[in-house]
Amino acid sequence: QQQLENVFNELENRIERCITKDGGL
C-alpha cells in the first residue's frame, strides 16, 4: 500500500510540474 501511495504521490507531482510548464515537455 505504501509503494502505491508513493507512486500516486509522484504522479501528482509530475502532473503539477506539467501544469506549471503549461503542458510542455
PDBML (XML) file of the C-alpha atoms, coordinates in Angstrom:
<?xml version="1.0" encoding="UTF-8" ?>
<PDBx:datablock datablockName="MODEL"
   xmlns:PDBx="http://pdbml.pdb.org/schema/pdbx-v50.xsd"
   xmlns:xsi="http://www.w3.org/2001/XMLSchema-instance"
   xsi:schemaLocation="http://pdbml.pdb.org/schema/pdbx-v50.xsd pdbx-v50.xsd">
   <PDBx:atom_siteCategory>
      <PDBx:atom_site id="1">
         <PDBx:B_iso_or_equiv>0.00</PDBx:B_iso_or_equiv>
         <PDBx:Cartn_x>0.000</PDBx:Cartn_x>
         <PDBx:Cartn_y>0.000</PDBx:Cartn_y>
         <PDBx:Cartn_z>0.000</PDBx:Cartn_z>
         <PDBx:auth_asym_id>A</PDBx:auth_asym_id>
         <PDBx:auth_atom_id>CA</PDBx:auth_atom_id>
         <PDBx:auth_comp_id>GLN</PDBx:auth_comp_id>
         <PDBx:auth_seq_id>1</PDBx:auth_seq_id>
         <PDBx:group_PDB>ATOM</PDBx:group_PDB>
         <PDBx:label_alt_id xsi:nil="true" />
         <PDBx:label_asym_id>A</PDBx:label_asym_id>
         <PDBx:label_atom_id>CA</PDBx:label_atom_id>
         <PDBx:label_comp_id>GLN</PDBx:label_comp_id>
         <PDBx:label_entity_id>1</PDBx:label_entity_id>
         <PDBx:label_seq_id>1</PDBx:label_seq_id>
         <PDBx:occupancy>1.00</PDBx:occupancy>
         <PDBx:pdbx_PDB_model_num>1</PDBx:pdbx_PDB_model_num>
         <PDBx:type_symbol>C</PDBx:type_symbol>
      </PDBx:atom_site>
      <PDBx:atom_site id="2">
         <PDBx:B_iso_or_equiv>0.00</PDBx:B_iso_or_equiv>
         <PDBx:Cartn_x>2.865</PDBx:Cartn_x>
         <PDBx:Cartn_y>2.372</PDBx:Cartn_y>
         <PDBx:Cartn_z>0.864</PDBx:Cartn_z>
         <PDBx:auth_asym_id>A</PDBx:auth_asym_id>
         <PDBx:auth_atom_id>CA</PDBx:auth_atom_id>
         <PDBx:auth_comp_id>GLN</PDBx:auth_comp_id>
         <PDBx:auth_seq_id>2</PDBx:auth_seq_id>
         <PDBx:group_PDB>ATOM</PDBx:group_PDB>
         <PDBx:label_alt_id xsi:nil="true" />
         <PDBx:label_asym_id>A</PDBx:label_asym_id>
         <PDBx:label_atom_id>CA</PDBx:label_atom_id>
         <PDBx:label_comp_id>GLN</PDBx:label_comp_id>
         <PDBx:label_entity_id>1</PDBx:label_entity_id>
         <PDBx:label_seq_id>2</PDBx:label_seq_id>
         <PDBx:occupancy>1.00</PDBx:occupancy>
         <PDBx:pdbx_PDB_model_num>1</PDBx:pdbx_PDB_model_num>
         <PDBx:type_symbol>C</PDBx:type_symbol>
      </PDBx:atom_site>
      <PDBx:atom_site id="3">
         <PDBx:B_iso_or_equiv>0.00</PDBx:B_iso_or_equiv>
         <PDBx:Cartn_x>4.525</PDBx:Cartn_x>
         <PDBx:Cartn_y>1.772</PDBx:Cartn_y>
         <PDBx:Cartn_z>-2.521</PDBx:Cartn_z>
         <PDBx:auth_asym_id>A</PDBx:auth_asym_id>
         <PDBx:auth_atom_id>CA</PDBx:auth_atom_id>
         <PDBx:auth_comp_id>GLN</PDBx:auth_comp_id>
         <PDBx:auth_seq_id>3</PDBx:auth_seq_id>
         <PDBx:group_PDB>ATOM</PDBx:group_PDB>
         <PDBx:label_alt_id xsi:nil="true" />
         <PDBx:label_asym_id>A</PDBx:label_asym_id>
         <PDBx:label_atom_id>CA</PDBx:label_atom_id>
         <PDBx:label_comp_id>GLN</PDBx:label_comp_id>
         <PDBx:label_entity_id>1</PDBx:label_entity_id>
         <PDBx:label_seq_id>3</PDBx:label_seq_id>
         <PDBx:occupancy>1.00</PDBx:occupancy>
         <PDBx:pdbx_PDB_model_num>1</PDBx:pdbx_PDB_model_num>
         <PDBx:type_symbol>C</PDBx:type_symbol>
      </PDBx:atom_site>
      <PDBx:atom_site id="4">
         <PDBx:B_iso_or_equiv>0.00</PDBx:B_iso_or_equiv>
         <PDBx:Cartn_x>1.241</PDBx:Cartn_x>
         <PDBx:Cartn_y>2.555</PDBx:Cartn_y>
         <PDBx:Cartn_z>-4.289</PDBx:Cartn_z>
         <PDBx:auth_asym_id>A</PDBx:auth_asym_id>
         <PDBx:auth_atom_id>CA</PDBx:auth_atom_id>
         <PDBx:auth_comp_id>LEU</PDBx:auth_comp_id>
         <PDBx:auth_seq_id>4</PDBx:auth_seq_id>
         <PDBx:group_PDB>ATOM</PDBx:group_PDB>
         <PDBx:label_alt_id xsi:nil="true" />
         <PDBx:label_asym_id>A</PDBx:label_asym_id>
         <PDBx:label_atom_id>CA</PDBx:label_atom_id>
         <PDBx:label_comp_id>LEU</PDBx:label_comp_id>
         <PDBx:label_entity_id>1</PDBx:label_entity_id>
         <PDBx:label_seq_id>4</PDBx:label_seq_id>
         <PDBx:occupancy>1.00</PDBx:occupancy>
         <PDBx:pdbx_PDB_model_num>1</PDBx:pdbx_PDB_model_num>
         <PDBx:type_symbol>C</PDBx:type_symbol>
      </PDBx:atom_site>
      <PDBx:atom_site id="5">
         <PDBx:B_iso_or_equiv>0.00</PDBx:B_iso_or_equiv>
         <PDBx:Cartn_x>0.778</PDBx:Cartn_x>
         <PDBx:Cartn_y>5.718</PDBx:Cartn_y>
         <PDBx:Cartn_z>-2.232</PDBx:Cartn_z>
         <PDBx:auth_asym_id>A</PDBx:auth_asym_id>
         <PDBx:auth_atom_id>CA</PDBx:auth_atom_id>
         <PDBx:auth_comp_id>GLU</PDBx:auth_comp_id>
         <PDBx:auth_seq_id>5</PDBx:auth_seq_id>
         <PDBx:group_PDB>ATOM</PDBx:group_PDB>
         <PDBx:label_alt_id xsi:nil="true" />
         <PDBx:label_asym_id>A</PDBx:label_asym_id>
         <PDBx:label_atom_id>CA</PDBx:label_atom_id>
         <PDBx:label_comp_id>GLU</PDBx:label_comp_id>
         <PDBx:label_entity_id>1</PDBx:label_entity_id>
         <PDBx:label_seq_id>5</PDBx:label_seq_id>
         <PDBx:occupancy>1.00</PDBx:occupancy>
         <PDBx:pdbx_PDB_model_num>1</PDBx:pdbx_PDB_model_num>
         <PDBx:type_symbol>C</PDBx:type_symbol>
      </PDBx:atom_site>
      <PDBx:atom_site id="6">
         <PDBx:B_iso_or_equiv>0.00</PDBx:B_iso_or_equiv>
         <PDBx:Cartn_x>4.309</PDBx:Cartn_x>
         <PDBx:Cartn_y>6.807</PDBx:Cartn_y>
         <PDBx:Cartn_z>-3.175</PDBx:Cartn_z>
         <PDBx:auth_asym_id>A</PDBx:auth_asym_id>
         <PDBx:auth_atom_id>CA</PDBx:auth_atom_id>
         <PDBx:auth_comp_id>ASN</PDBx:auth_comp_id>
         <PDBx:auth_seq_id>6</PDBx:auth_seq_id>
         <PDBx:group_PDB>ATOM</PDBx:group_PDB>
         <PDBx:label_alt_id xsi:nil="true" />
         <PDBx:label_asym_id>A</PDBx:label_asym_id>
         <PDBx:label_atom_id>CA</PDBx:label_atom_id>
         <PDBx:label_comp_id>ASN</PDBx:label_comp_id>
         <PDBx:label_entity_id>1</PDBx:label_entity_id>
         <PDBx:label_seq_id>6</PDBx:label_seq_id>
         <PDBx:occupancy>1.00</PDBx:occupancy>
         <PDBx:pdbx_PDB_model_num>1</PDBx:pdbx_PDB_model_num>
         <PDBx:type_symbol>C</PDBx:type_symbol>
      </PDBx:atom_site>
      <PDBx:atom_site id="7">
         <PDBx:B_iso_or_equiv>0.00</PDBx:B_iso_or_equiv>
         <PDBx:Cartn_x>3.656</PDBx:Cartn_x>
         <PDBx:Cartn_y>6.069</PDBx:Cartn_y>
         <PDBx:Cartn_z>-6.862</PDBx:Cartn_z>
         <PDBx:auth_asym_id>A</PDBx:auth_asym_id>
         <PDBx:auth_atom_id>CA</PDBx:auth_atom_id>
         <PDBx:auth_comp_id>VAL</PDBx:auth_comp_id>
         <PDBx:auth_seq_id>7</PDBx:auth_seq_id>
         <PDBx:group_PDB>ATOM</PDBx:group_PDB>
         <PDBx:label_alt_id xsi:nil="true" />
         <PDBx:label_asym_id>A</PDBx:label_asym_id>
         <PDBx:label_atom_id>CA</PDBx:label_atom_id>
         <PDBx:label_comp_id>VAL</PDBx:label_comp_id>
         <PDBx:label_entity_id>1</PDBx:label_entity_id>
         <PDBx:label_seq_id>7</PDBx:label_seq_id>
         <PDBx:occupancy>1.00</PDBx:occupancy>
         <PDBx:pdbx_PDB_model_num>1</PDBx:pdbx_PDB_model_num>
         <PDBx:type_symbol>C</PDBx:type_symbol>
      </PDBx:atom_site>
      <PDBx:atom_site id="8">
         <PDBx:B_iso_or_equiv>0.00</PDBx:B_iso_or_equiv>
         <PDBx:Cartn_x>0.489</PDBx:Cartn_x>
         <PDBx:Cartn_y>8.154</PDBx:Cartn_y>
         <PDBx:Cartn_z>-6.912</PDBx:Cartn_z>
         <PDBx:auth_asym_id>A</PDBx:auth_asym_id>
         <PDBx:auth_atom_id>CA</PDBx:auth_atom_id>
         <PDBx:auth_comp_id>PHE</PDBx:auth_comp_id>
         <PDBx:auth_seq_id>8</PDBx:auth_seq_id>
         <PDBx:group_PDB>ATOM</PDBx:group_PDB>
         <PDBx:label_alt_id xsi:nil="true" />
         <PDBx:label_asym_id>A</PDBx:label_asym_id>
         <PDBx:label_atom_id>CA</PDBx:label_atom_id>
         <PDBx:label_comp_id>PHE</PDBx:label_comp_id>
         <PDBx:label_entity_id>1</PDBx:label_entity_id>
         <PDBx:label_seq_id>8</PDBx:label_seq_id>
         <PDBx:occupancy>1.00</PDBx:occupancy>
         <PDBx:pdbx_PDB_model_num>1</PDBx:pdbx_PDB_model_num>
         <PDBx:type_symbol>C</PDBx:type_symbol>
      </PDBx:atom_site>
      <PDBx:atom_site id="9">
         <PDBx:B_iso_or_equiv>0.00</PDBx:B_iso_or_equiv>
         <PDBx:Cartn_x>2.055</PDBx:Cartn_x>
         <PDBx:Cartn_y>10.980</PDBx:Cartn_y>
         <PDBx:Cartn_z>-4.899</PDBx:Cartn_z>
         <PDBx:auth_asym_id>A</PDBx:auth_asym_id>
         <PDBx:auth_atom_id>CA</PDBx:auth_atom_id>
         <PDBx:auth_comp_id>ASN</PDBx:auth_comp_id>
         <PDBx:auth_seq_id>9</PDBx:auth_seq_id>
         <PDBx:group_PDB>ATOM</PDBx:group_PDB>
         <PDBx:label_alt_id xsi:nil="true" />
         <PDBx:label_asym_id>A</PDBx:label_asym_id>
         <PDBx:label_atom_id>CA</PDBx:label_atom_id>
         <PDBx:label_comp_id>ASN</PDBx:label_comp_id>
         <PDBx:label_entity_id>1</PDBx:label_entity_id>
         <PDBx:label_seq_id>9</PDBx:label_seq_id>
         <PDBx:occupancy>1.00</PDBx:occupancy>
         <PDBx:pdbx_PDB_model_num>1</PDBx:pdbx_PDB_model_num>
         <PDBx:type_symbol>C</PDBx:type_symbol>
      </PDBx:atom_site>
      <PDBx:atom_site id="10">
         <PDBx:B_iso_or_equiv>0.00</PDBx:B_iso_or_equiv>
         <PDBx:Cartn_x>4.775</PDBx:Cartn_x>
         <PDBx:Cartn_y>11.021</PDBx:Cartn_y>
         <PDBx:Cartn_z>-7.556</PDBx:Cartn_z>
         <PDBx:auth_asym_id>A</PDBx:auth_asym_id>
         <PDBx:auth_atom_id>CA</PDBx:auth_atom_id>
         <PDBx:auth_comp_id>GLU</PDBx:auth_comp_id>
         <PDBx:auth_seq_id>10</PDBx:auth_seq_id>
         <PDBx:group_PDB>ATOM</PDBx:group_PDB>
         <PDBx:label_alt_id xsi:nil="true" />
         <PDBx:label_asym_id>A</PDBx:label_asym_id>
         <PDBx:label_atom_id>CA</PDBx:label_atom_id>
         <PDBx:label_comp_id>GLU</PDBx:label_comp_id>
         <PDBx:label_entity_id>1</PDBx:label_entity_id>
         <PDBx:label_seq_id>10</PDBx:label_seq_id>
         <PDBx:occupancy>1.00</PDBx:occupancy>
         <PDBx:pdbx_PDB_model_num>1</PDBx:pdbx_PDB_model_num>
         <PDBx:type_symbol>C</PDBx:type_symbol>
      </PDBx:atom_site>
      <PDBx:atom_site id="11">
         <PDBx:B_iso_or_equiv>0.00</PDBx:B_iso_or_equiv>
         <PDBx:Cartn_x>2.099</PDBx:Cartn_x>
         <PDBx:Cartn_y>11.065</PDBx:Cartn_y>
         <PDBx:Cartn_z>-10.279</PDBx:Cartn_z>
         <PDBx:auth_asym_id>A</PDBx:auth_asym_id>
         <PDBx:auth_atom_id>CA</PDBx:auth_atom_id>
         <PDBx:auth_comp_id>LEU</PDBx:auth_comp_id>
         <PDBx:auth_seq_id>11</PDBx:auth_seq_id>
         <PDBx:group_PDB>ATOM</PDBx:group_PDB>
         <PDBx:label_alt_id xsi:nil="true" />
         <PDBx:label_asym_id>A</PDBx:label_asym_id>
         <PDBx:label_atom_id>CA</PDBx:label_atom_id>
         <PDBx:label_comp_id>LEU</PDBx:label_comp_id>
         <PDBx:label_entity_id>1</PDBx:label_entity_id>
         <PDBx:label_seq_id>11</PDBx:label_seq_id>
         <PDBx:occupancy>1.00</PDBx:occupancy>
         <PDBx:pdbx_PDB_model_num>1</PDBx:pdbx_PDB_model_num>
         <PDBx:type_symbol>C</PDBx:type_symbol>
      </PDBx:atom_site>
      <PDBx:atom_site id="12">
         <PDBx:B_iso_or_equiv>0.00</PDBx:B_iso_or_equiv>
         <PDBx:Cartn_x>0.509</PDBx:Cartn_x>
         <PDBx:Cartn_y>14.129</PDBx:Cartn_y>
         <PDBx:Cartn_z>-8.656</PDBx:Cartn_z>
         <PDBx:auth_asym_id>A</PDBx:auth_asym_id>
         <PDBx:auth_atom_id>CA</PDBx:auth_atom_id>
         <PDBx:auth_comp_id>GLU</PDBx:auth_comp_id>
         <PDBx:auth_seq_id>12</PDBx:auth_seq_id>
         <PDBx:group_PDB>ATOM</PDBx:group_PDB>
         <PDBx:label_alt_id xsi:nil="true" />
         <PDBx:label_asym_id>A</PDBx:label_asym_id>
         <PDBx:label_atom_id>CA</PDBx:label_atom_id>
         <PDBx:label_comp_id>GLU</PDBx:label_comp_id>
         <PDBx:label_entity_id>1</PDBx:label_entity_id>
         <PDBx:label_seq_id>12</PDBx:label_seq_id>
         <PDBx:occupancy>1.00</PDBx:occupancy>
         <PDBx:pdbx_PDB_model_num>1</PDBx:pdbx_PDB_model_num>
         <PDBx:type_symbol>C</PDBx:type_symbol>
      </PDBx:atom_site>
      <PDBx:atom_site id="13">
         <PDBx:B_iso_or_equiv>0.00</PDBx:B_iso_or_equiv>
         <PDBx:Cartn_x>3.926</PDBx:Cartn_x>
         <PDBx:Cartn_y>15.812</PDBx:Cartn_y>
         <PDBx:Cartn_z>-8.538</PDBx:Cartn_z>
         <PDBx:auth_asym_id>A</PDBx:auth_asym_id>
         <PDBx:auth_atom_id>CA</PDBx:auth_atom_id>
         <PDBx:auth_comp_id>ASN</PDBx:auth_comp_id>
         <PDBx:auth_seq_id>13</PDBx:auth_seq_id>
         <PDBx:group_PDB>ATOM</PDBx:group_PDB>
         <PDBx:label_alt_id xsi:nil="true" />
         <PDBx:label_asym_id>A</PDBx:label_asym_id>
         <PDBx:label_atom_id>CA</PDBx:label_atom_id>
         <PDBx:label_comp_id>ASN</PDBx:label_comp_id>
         <PDBx:label_entity_id>1</PDBx:label_entity_id>
         <PDBx:label_seq_id>13</PDBx:label_seq_id>
         <PDBx:occupancy>1.00</PDBx:occupancy>
         <PDBx:pdbx_PDB_model_num>1</PDBx:pdbx_PDB_model_num>
         <PDBx:type_symbol>C</PDBx:type_symbol>
      </PDBx:atom_site>
      <PDBx:atom_site id="14">
         <PDBx:B_iso_or_equiv>0.00</PDBx:B_iso_or_equiv>
         <PDBx:Cartn_x>4.530</PDBx:Cartn_x>
         <PDBx:Cartn_y>15.046</PDBx:Cartn_y>
         <PDBx:Cartn_z>-12.218</PDBx:Cartn_z>
         <PDBx:auth_asym_id>A</PDBx:auth_asym_id>
         <PDBx:auth_atom_id>CA</PDBx:auth_atom_id>
         <PDBx:auth_comp_id>ARG</PDBx:auth_comp_id>
         <PDBx:auth_seq_id>14</PDBx:auth_seq_id>
         <PDBx:group_PDB>ATOM</PDBx:group_PDB>
         <PDBx:label_alt_id xsi:nil="true" />
         <PDBx:label_asym_id>A</PDBx:label_asym_id>
         <PDBx:label_atom_id>CA</PDBx:label_atom_id>
         <PDBx:label_comp_id>ARG</PDBx:label_comp_id>
         <PDBx:label_entity_id>1</PDBx:label_entity_id>
         <PDBx:label_seq_id>14</PDBx:label_seq_id>
         <PDBx:occupancy>1.00</PDBx:occupancy>
         <PDBx:pdbx_PDB_model_num>1</PDBx:pdbx_PDB_model_num>
         <PDBx:type_symbol>C</PDBx:type_symbol>
      </PDBx:atom_site>
      <PDBx:atom_site id="15">
         <PDBx:B_iso_or_equiv>0.00</PDBx:B_iso_or_equiv>
         <PDBx:Cartn_x>1.095</PDBx:Cartn_x>
         <PDBx:Cartn_y>16.364</PDBx:Cartn_y>
         <PDBx:Cartn_z>-13.204</PDBx:Cartn_z>
         <PDBx:auth_asym_id>A</PDBx:auth_asym_id>
         <PDBx:auth_atom_id>CA</PDBx:auth_atom_id>
         <PDBx:auth_comp_id>ILE</PDBx:auth_comp_id>
         <PDBx:auth_seq_id>15</PDBx:auth_seq_id>
         <PDBx:group_PDB>ATOM</PDBx:group_PDB>
         <PDBx:label_alt_id xsi:nil="true" />
         <PDBx:label_asym_id>A</PDBx:label_asym_id>
         <PDBx:label_atom_id>CA</PDBx:label_atom_id>
         <PDBx:label_comp_id>ILE</PDBx:label_comp_id>
         <PDBx:label_entity_id>1</PDBx:label_entity_id>
         <PDBx:label_seq_id>15</PDBx:label_seq_id>
         <PDBx:occupancy>1.00</PDBx:occupancy>
         <PDBx:pdbx_PDB_model_num>1</PDBx:pdbx_PDB_model_num>
         <PDBx:type_symbol>C</PDBx:type_symbol>
      </PDBx:atom_site>
      <PDBx:atom_site id="16">
         <PDBx:B_iso_or_equiv>0.00</PDBx:B_iso_or_equiv>
         <PDBx:Cartn_x>1.678</PDBx:Cartn_x>
         <PDBx:Cartn_y>19.562</PDBx:Cartn_y>
         <PDBx:Cartn_z>-11.216</PDBx:Cartn_z>
         <PDBx:auth_asym_id>A</PDBx:auth_asym_id>
         <PDBx:auth_atom_id>CA</PDBx:auth_atom_id>
         <PDBx:auth_comp_id>GLU</PDBx:auth_comp_id>
         <PDBx:auth_seq_id>16</PDBx:auth_seq_id>
         <PDBx:group_PDB>ATOM</PDBx:group_PDB>
         <PDBx:label_alt_id xsi:nil="true" />
         <PDBx:label_asym_id>A</PDBx:label_asym_id>
         <PDBx:label_atom_id>CA</PDBx:label_atom_id>
         <PDBx:label_comp_id>GLU</PDBx:label_comp_id>
         <PDBx:label_entity_id>1</PDBx:label_entity_id>
         <PDBx:label_seq_id>16</PDBx:label_seq_id>
         <PDBx:occupancy>1.00</PDBx:occupancy>
         <PDBx:pdbx_PDB_model_num>1</PDBx:pdbx_PDB_model_num>
         <PDBx:type_symbol>C</PDBx:type_symbol>
      </PDBx:atom_site>
      <PDBx:atom_site id="17">
         <PDBx:B_iso_or_equiv>0.00</PDBx:B_iso_or_equiv>
         <PDBx:Cartn_x>5.036</PDBx:Cartn_x>
         <PDBx:Cartn_y>20.064</PDBx:Cartn_y>
         <PDBx:Cartn_z>-12.959</PDBx:Cartn_z>
         <PDBx:auth_asym_id>A</PDBx:auth_asym_id>
         <PDBx:auth_atom_id>CA</PDBx:auth_atom_id>
         <PDBx:auth_comp_id>ARG</PDBx:auth_comp_id>
         <PDBx:auth_seq_id>17</PDBx:auth_seq_id>
         <PDBx:group_PDB>ATOM</PDBx:group_PDB>
         <PDBx:label_alt_id xsi:nil="true" />
         <PDBx:label_asym_id>A</PDBx:label_asym_id>
         <PDBx:label_atom_id>CA</PDBx:label_atom_id>
         <PDBx:label_comp_id>ARG</PDBx:label_comp_id>
         <PDBx:label_entity_id>1</PDBx:label_entity_id>
         <PDBx:label_seq_id>17</PDBx:label_seq_id>
         <PDBx:occupancy>1.00</PDBx:occupancy>
         <PDBx:pdbx_PDB_model_num>1</PDBx:pdbx_PDB_model_num>
         <PDBx:type_symbol>C</PDBx:type_symbol>
      </PDBx:atom_site>
      <PDBx:atom_site id="18">
         <PDBx:B_iso_or_equiv>0.00</PDBx:B_iso_or_equiv>
         <PDBx:Cartn_x>3.375</PDBx:Cartn_x>
         <PDBx:Cartn_y>19.585</PDBx:Cartn_y>
         <PDBx:Cartn_z>-16.365</PDBx:Cartn_z>
         <PDBx:auth_asym_id>A</PDBx:auth_asym_id>
         <PDBx:auth_atom_id>CA</PDBx:auth_atom_id>
         <PDBx:auth_comp_id>CYS</PDBx:auth_comp_id>
         <PDBx:auth_seq_id>18</PDBx:auth_seq_id>
         <PDBx:group_PDB>ATOM</PDBx:group_PDB>
         <PDBx:label_alt_id xsi:nil="true" />
         <PDBx:label_asym_id>A</PDBx:label_asym_id>
         <PDBx:label_atom_id>CA</PDBx:label_atom_id>
         <PDBx:label_comp_id>CYS</PDBx:label_comp_id>
         <PDBx:label_entity_id>1</PDBx:label_entity_id>
         <PDBx:label_seq_id>18</PDBx:label_seq_id>
         <PDBx:occupancy>1.00</PDBx:occupancy>
         <PDBx:pdbx_PDB_model_num>1</PDBx:pdbx_PDB_model_num>
         <PDBx:type_symbol>C</PDBx:type_symbol>
      </PDBx:atom_site>
      <PDBx:atom_site id="19">
         <PDBx:B_iso_or_equiv>0.00</PDBx:B_iso_or_equiv>
         <PDBx:Cartn_x>0.718</PDBx:Cartn_x>
         <PDBx:Cartn_y>22.151</PDBx:Cartn_y>
         <PDBx:Cartn_z>-15.422</PDBx:Cartn_z>
         <PDBx:auth_asym_id>A</PDBx:auth_asym_id>
         <PDBx:auth_atom_id>CA</PDBx:auth_atom_id>
         <PDBx:auth_comp_id>ILE</PDBx:auth_comp_id>
         <PDBx:auth_seq_id>19</PDBx:auth_seq_id>
         <PDBx:group_PDB>ATOM</PDBx:group_PDB>
         <PDBx:label_alt_id xsi:nil="true" />
         <PDBx:label_asym_id>A</PDBx:label_asym_id>
         <PDBx:label_atom_id>CA</PDBx:label_atom_id>
         <PDBx:label_comp_id>ILE</PDBx:label_comp_id>
         <PDBx:label_entity_id>1</PDBx:label_entity_id>
         <PDBx:label_seq_id>19</PDBx:label_seq_id>
         <PDBx:occupancy>1.00</PDBx:occupancy>
         <PDBx:pdbx_PDB_model_num>1</PDBx:pdbx_PDB_model_num>
         <PDBx:type_symbol>C</PDBx:type_symbol>
      </PDBx:atom_site>
      <PDBx:atom_site id="20">
         <PDBx:B_iso_or_equiv>0.00</PDBx:B_iso_or_equiv>
         <PDBx:Cartn_x>3.444</PDBx:Cartn_x>
         <PDBx:Cartn_y>24.568</PDBx:Cartn_y>
         <PDBx:Cartn_z>-14.260</PDBx:Cartn_z>
         <PDBx:auth_asym_id>A</PDBx:auth_asym_id>
         <PDBx:auth_atom_id>CA</PDBx:auth_atom_id>
         <PDBx:auth_comp_id>THR</PDBx:auth_comp_id>
         <PDBx:auth_seq_id>20</PDBx:auth_seq_id>
         <PDBx:group_PDB>ATOM</PDBx:group_PDB>
         <PDBx:label_alt_id xsi:nil="true" />
         <PDBx:label_asym_id>A</PDBx:label_asym_id>
         <PDBx:label_atom_id>CA</PDBx:label_atom_id>
         <PDBx:label_comp_id>THR</PDBx:label_comp_id>
         <PDBx:label_entity_id>1</PDBx:label_entity_id>
         <PDBx:label_seq_id>20</PDBx:label_seq_id>
         <PDBx:occupancy>1.00</PDBx:occupancy>
         <PDBx:pdbx_PDB_model_num>1</PDBx:pdbx_PDB_model_num>
         <PDBx:type_symbol>C</PDBx:type_symbol>
      </PDBx:atom_site>
      <PDBx:atom_site id="21">
         <PDBx:B_iso_or_equiv>0.00</PDBx:B_iso_or_equiv>
         <PDBx:Cartn_x>5.147</PDBx:Cartn_x>
         <PDBx:Cartn_y>24.148</PDBx:Cartn_y>
         <PDBx:Cartn_z>-17.642</PDBx:Cartn_z>
         <PDBx:auth_asym_id>A</PDBx:auth_asym_id>
         <PDBx:auth_atom_id>CA</PDBx:auth_atom_id>
         <PDBx:auth_comp_id>LYS</PDBx:auth_comp_id>
         <PDBx:auth_seq_id>21</PDBx:auth_seq_id>
         <PDBx:group_PDB>ATOM</PDBx:group_PDB>
         <PDBx:label_alt_id xsi:nil="true" />
         <PDBx:label_asym_id>A</PDBx:label_asym_id>
         <PDBx:label_atom_id>CA</PDBx:label_atom_id>
         <PDBx:label_comp_id>LYS</PDBx:label_comp_id>
         <PDBx:label_entity_id>1</PDBx:label_entity_id>
         <PDBx:label_seq_id>21</PDBx:label_seq_id>
         <PDBx:occupancy>1.00</PDBx:occupancy>
         <PDBx:pdbx_PDB_model_num>1</PDBx:pdbx_PDB_model_num>
         <PDBx:type_symbol>C</PDBx:type_symbol>
      </PDBx:atom_site>
      <PDBx:atom_site id="22">
         <PDBx:B_iso_or_equiv>0.00</PDBx:B_iso_or_equiv>
         <PDBx:Cartn_x>1.752</PDBx:Cartn_x>
         <PDBx:Cartn_y>24.689</PDBx:Cartn_y>
         <PDBx:Cartn_z>-19.353</PDBx:Cartn_z>
         <PDBx:auth_asym_id>A</PDBx:auth_asym_id>
         <PDBx:auth_atom_id>CA</PDBx:auth_atom_id>
         <PDBx:auth_comp_id>ASP</PDBx:auth_comp_id>
         <PDBx:auth_seq_id>22</PDBx:auth_seq_id>
         <PDBx:group_PDB>ATOM</PDBx:group_PDB>
         <PDBx:label_alt_id xsi:nil="true" />
         <PDBx:label_asym_id>A</PDBx:label_asym_id>
         <PDBx:label_atom_id>CA</PDBx:label_atom_id>
         <PDBx:label_comp_id>ASP</PDBx:label_comp_id>
         <PDBx:label_entity_id>1</PDBx:label_entity_id>
         <PDBx:label_seq_id>22</PDBx:label_seq_id>
         <PDBx:occupancy>1.00</PDBx:occupancy>
         <PDBx:pdbx_PDB_model_num>1</PDBx:pdbx_PDB_model_num>
         <PDBx:type_symbol>C</PDBx:type_symbol>
      </PDBx:atom_site>
      <PDBx:atom_site id="23">
         <PDBx:B_iso_or_equiv>0.00</PDBx:B_iso_or_equiv>
         <PDBx:Cartn_x>1.809</PDBx:Cartn_x>
         <PDBx:Cartn_y>21.117</PDBx:Cartn_y>
         <PDBx:Cartn_z>-20.625</PDBx:Cartn_z>
         <PDBx:auth_asym_id>A</PDBx:auth_asym_id>
         <PDBx:auth_atom_id>CA</PDBx:auth_atom_id>
         <PDBx:auth_comp_id>GLY</PDBx:auth_comp_id>
         <PDBx:auth_seq_id>23</PDBx:auth_seq_id>
         <PDBx:group_PDB>ATOM</PDBx:group_PDB>
         <PDBx:label_alt_id xsi:nil="true" />
         <PDBx:label_asym_id>A</PDBx:label_asym_id>
         <PDBx:label_atom_id>CA</PDBx:label_atom_id>
         <PDBx:label_comp_id>GLY</PDBx:label_comp_id>
         <PDBx:label_entity_id>1</PDBx:label_entity_id>
         <PDBx:label_seq_id>23</PDBx:label_seq_id>
         <PDBx:occupancy>1.00</PDBx:occupancy>
         <PDBx:pdbx_PDB_model_num>1</PDBx:pdbx_PDB_model_num>
         <PDBx:type_symbol>C</PDBx:type_symbol>
      </PDBx:atom_site>
      <PDBx:atom_site id="24">
         <PDBx:B_iso_or_equiv>0.00</PDBx:B_iso_or_equiv>
         <PDBx:Cartn_x>5.203</PDBx:Cartn_x>
         <PDBx:Cartn_y>21.495</PDBx:Cartn_y>
         <PDBx:Cartn_z>-22.226</PDBx:Cartn_z>
         <PDBx:auth_asym_id>A</PDBx:auth_asym_id>
         <PDBx:auth_atom_id>CA</PDBx:auth_atom_id>
         <PDBx:auth_comp_id>GLY</PDBx:auth_comp_id>
         <PDBx:auth_seq_id>24</PDBx:auth_seq_id>
         <PDBx:group_PDB>ATOM</PDBx:group_PDB>
         <PDBx:label_alt_id xsi:nil="true" />
         <PDBx:label_asym_id>A</PDBx:label_asym_id>
         <PDBx:label_atom_id>CA</PDBx:label_atom_id>
         <PDBx:label_comp_id>GLY</PDBx:label_comp_id>
         <PDBx:label_entity_id>1</PDBx:label_entity_id>
         <PDBx:label_seq_id>24</PDBx:label_seq_id>
         <PDBx:occupancy>1.00</PDBx:occupancy>
         <PDBx:pdbx_PDB_model_num>1</PDBx:pdbx_PDB_model_num>
         <PDBx:type_symbol>C</PDBx:type_symbol>
      </PDBx:atom_site>
      <PDBx:atom_site id="25">
         <PDBx:B_iso_or_equiv>0.00</PDBx:B_iso_or_equiv>
         <PDBx:Cartn_x>7.676</PDBx:Cartn_x>
         <PDBx:Cartn_y>18.658</PDBx:Cartn_y>
         <PDBx:Cartn_z>-22.154</PDBx:Cartn_z>
         <PDBx:auth_asym_id>A</PDBx:auth_asym_id>
         <PDBx:auth_atom_id>CA</PDBx:auth_atom_id>
         <PDBx:auth_comp_id>LEU</PDBx:auth_comp_id>
         <PDBx:auth_seq_id>25</PDBx:auth_seq_id>
         <PDBx:group_PDB>ATOM</PDBx:group_PDB>
         <PDBx:label_alt_id xsi:nil="true" />
         <PDBx:label_asym_id>A</PDBx:label_asym_id>
         <PDBx:label_atom_id>CA</PDBx:label_atom_id>
         <PDBx:label_comp_id>LEU</PDBx:label_comp_id>
         <PDBx:label_entity_id>1</PDBx:label_entity_id>
         <PDBx:label_seq_id>25</PDBx:label_seq_id>
         <PDBx:occupancy>1.00</PDBx:occupancy>
         <PDBx:pdbx_PDB_model_num>1</PDBx:pdbx_PDB_model_num>
         <PDBx:type_symbol>C</PDBx:type_symbol>
      </PDBx:atom_site>
   </PDBx:atom_siteCategory>
</PDBx:datablock>
